[in-house]
Amino acid sequence: MVNNAATVGRSGVHDFILLRASAVVLAAFVLFMAGFFIATPEVTYEIWHGLFSNVCMKIFTLVAMFSLLAHAWIGIWQVLSDYIKPAFLRGGLQFLFSITLLVYLAAGFITVWGV
């Protein structure tokens, strides 16, 4: 059995709930965006800028990005712990994926908030 070093102090139930909650947030975001594109006949820069000028939309997008980060982190940990047995290689890949996910989060934050 693989020790869950990525989630020290948490149980599989916690990861299960976190995955489901993040999936719900991501599904809501995707449905909202799909509805926006269906309801908007022509998406121009002004319309797109107006949508993301709203603070609620910025927060919703940021919550969706955090949900994506949590969902991806747990998924990557599960896949790597199941299929990559050498601890050094698994740790290196987890580190690489973690840095990549954090860079994506930072880029998304900068893009949405215009920092």
Protein backbone atom coordinates (compact mmCIF):
# COMPACT_ATOMS: atom_id res chain seq x y z
CA MET A 1 0.00 0.00 0.00
CA VAL A 2 1.27 3.46 -0.87
CA ASN A 3 1.62 5.98 1.94
CA ASN A 4 -0.32 9.15 1.16
CA ALA A 5 2.58 11.54 1.79
CA ALA A 6 0.93 14.22 -0.35
CA THR A 7 -2.01 14.48 2.00
CA VAL A 8 -0.45 14.05 5.44
CA GLY A 9 -3.05 14.32 8.17
CA ARG A 10 -5.95 13.81 5.77
CA SER A 11 -7.84 10.72 4.84
CA GLY A 12 -9.02 9.29 1.56
CA VAL A 13 -12.50 10.54 2.46
CA HIS A 14 -11.16 14.10 2.55
CA ASP A 15 -9.61 13.70 -0.90
CA PHE A 16 -12.83 12.11 -2.18
CA ILE A 17 -14.92 15.04 -0.95
CA LEU A 18 -12.41 17.60 -2.23
CA LEU A 19 -12.44 15.97 -5.68
CA ARG A 20 -16.23 15.96 -5.81
CA ALA A 21 -16.54 19.55 -4.57
CA SER A 22 -13.95 20.80 -7.06
CA ALA A 23 -15.71 18.89 -9.84
CA VAL A 24 -19.00 20.60 -8.95
CA VAL A 25 -17.35 24.04 -9.05
CA LEU A 26 -15.68 23.26 -12.38
CA ALA A 27 -18.94 21.94 -13.84
CA ALA A 28 -20.77 25.10 -12.72
CA PHE A 29 -18.08 27.27 -14.30
CA VAL A 30 -18.16 25.34 -17.58
CA LEU A 31 -21.97 25.46 -17.71
CA PHE A 32 -21.94 29.19 -16.97
CA MET A 33 -19.41 29.86 -19.71
CA ALA A 34 -21.29 27.62 -22.16
CA GLY A 35 -24.48 29.52 -21.33
CA PHE A 36 -22.69 32.80 -21.87
CA PHE A 37 -21.48 31.74 -25.32
CA ILE A 38 -24.91 30.36 -26.26
CA ALA A 39 -26.74 33.49 -25.04
CA THR A 40 -24.30 35.95 -26.60
CA PRO A 41 -24.64 35.97 -30.39
CA GLU A 42 -21.37 37.80 -30.98
CA VAL A 43 -18.58 37.91 -28.43
CA THR A 44 -16.53 41.04 -28.88
CA TYR A 45 -13.70 42.38 -26.78
CA GLU A 46 -16.05 44.85 -25.12
CA ILE A 47 -18.53 42.13 -24.14
CA TRP A 48 -15.75 39.84 -22.91
CA HIS A 49 -14.13 42.69 -20.98
CA GLY A 50 -17.50 43.61 -19.48
CA LEU A 51 -18.04 40.05 -18.29
CA PHE A 52 -14.66 39.89 -16.56
CA SER A 53 -14.89 43.43 -15.20
CA ASN A 54 -17.48 42.17 -12.75
CA VAL A 55 -15.89 41.29 -9.41
CA CYS A 56 -18.23 38.31 -8.97
CA MET A 57 -16.99 36.84 -12.25
CA LYS A 58 -13.38 37.37 -11.22
CA ILE A 59 -14.00 35.60 -7.92
CA PHE A 60 -15.91 32.77 -9.65
CA THR A 61 -13.01 32.35 -12.06
CA LEU A 62 -10.47 32.36 -9.23
CA VAL A 63 -12.49 29.75 -7.30
CA ALA A 64 -12.64 27.65 -10.49
CA MET A 65 -8.85 27.96 -10.87
CA PHE A 66 -8.28 26.84 -7.26
CA SER A 67 -10.70 23.97 -7.84
CA LEU A 68 -8.77 22.97 -10.94
CA LEU A 69 -5.52 23.11 -8.98
CA ALA A 70 -6.89 20.90 -6.18
CA HIS A 71 -8.52 18.48 -8.61
CA ALA A 72 -5.38 18.17 -10.72
CA TRP A 73 -3.08 17.81 -7.71
CA ILE A 74 -5.06 14.94 -6.21
CA GLY A 75 -5.47 13.28 -9.61
CA ILE A 76 -1.78 13.56 -10.42
CA TRP A 77 -0.84 12.22 -6.98
CA GLN A 78 -3.15 9.22 -7.46
CA VAL A 79 -1.85 8.42 -10.93
CA LEU A 80 1.81 8.83 -9.97
CA SER A 81 1.46 6.79 -6.79
CA ASP A 82 -0.26 3.99 -8.73
CA TYR A 83 2.07 3.81 -11.72
CA ILE A 84 5.47 5.28 -10.73
CA LYS A 85 7.04 3.06 -8.08
CA PRO A 86 10.58 4.51 -7.66
CA ALA A 87 10.18 7.11 -4.91
CA PHE A 88 12.79 9.50 -6.32
CA LEU A 89 11.18 9.57 -9.77
CA ARG A 90 7.67 9.90 -8.32
CA GLY A 91 8.80 12.73 -6.04
CA GLY A 92 10.53 14.52 -8.88
CA LEU A 93 7.47 14.26 -11.10
CA GLN A 94 5.20 15.43 -8.29
CA PHE A 95 7.47 18.41 -7.74
CA LEU A 96 7.48 19.22 -11.47
CA PHE A 97 3.70 18.97 -11.72
CA SER A 98 3.25 21.03 -8.54
CA ILE A 99 5.41 23.84 -9.88
CA THR A 100 3.58 23.72 -13.21
CA LEU A 101 0.18 23.92 -11.50
CA LEU A 102 1.31 26.85 -9.36
CA VAL A 103 2.62 28.67 -12.44
CA TYR A 104 -0.74 28.10 -14.15
CA LEU A 105 -2.54 29.46 -11.08
CA ALA A 106 -0.29 32.54 -10.96
CA ALA A 107 -0.75 33.17 -14.69
CA GLY A 108 -4.52 32.83 -14.33
CA PHE A 109 -4.56 35.17 -11.35
CA ILE A 110 -2.51 37.77 -13.21
CA THR A 111 -4.71 37.44 -16.29
CA VAL A 112 -8.01 37.75 -14.40
CA TRP A 113 -7.04 40.47 -11.95
CA GLY A 114 -4.68 42.33 -14.27
CA VAL A 115 -1.92 42.57 -11.69
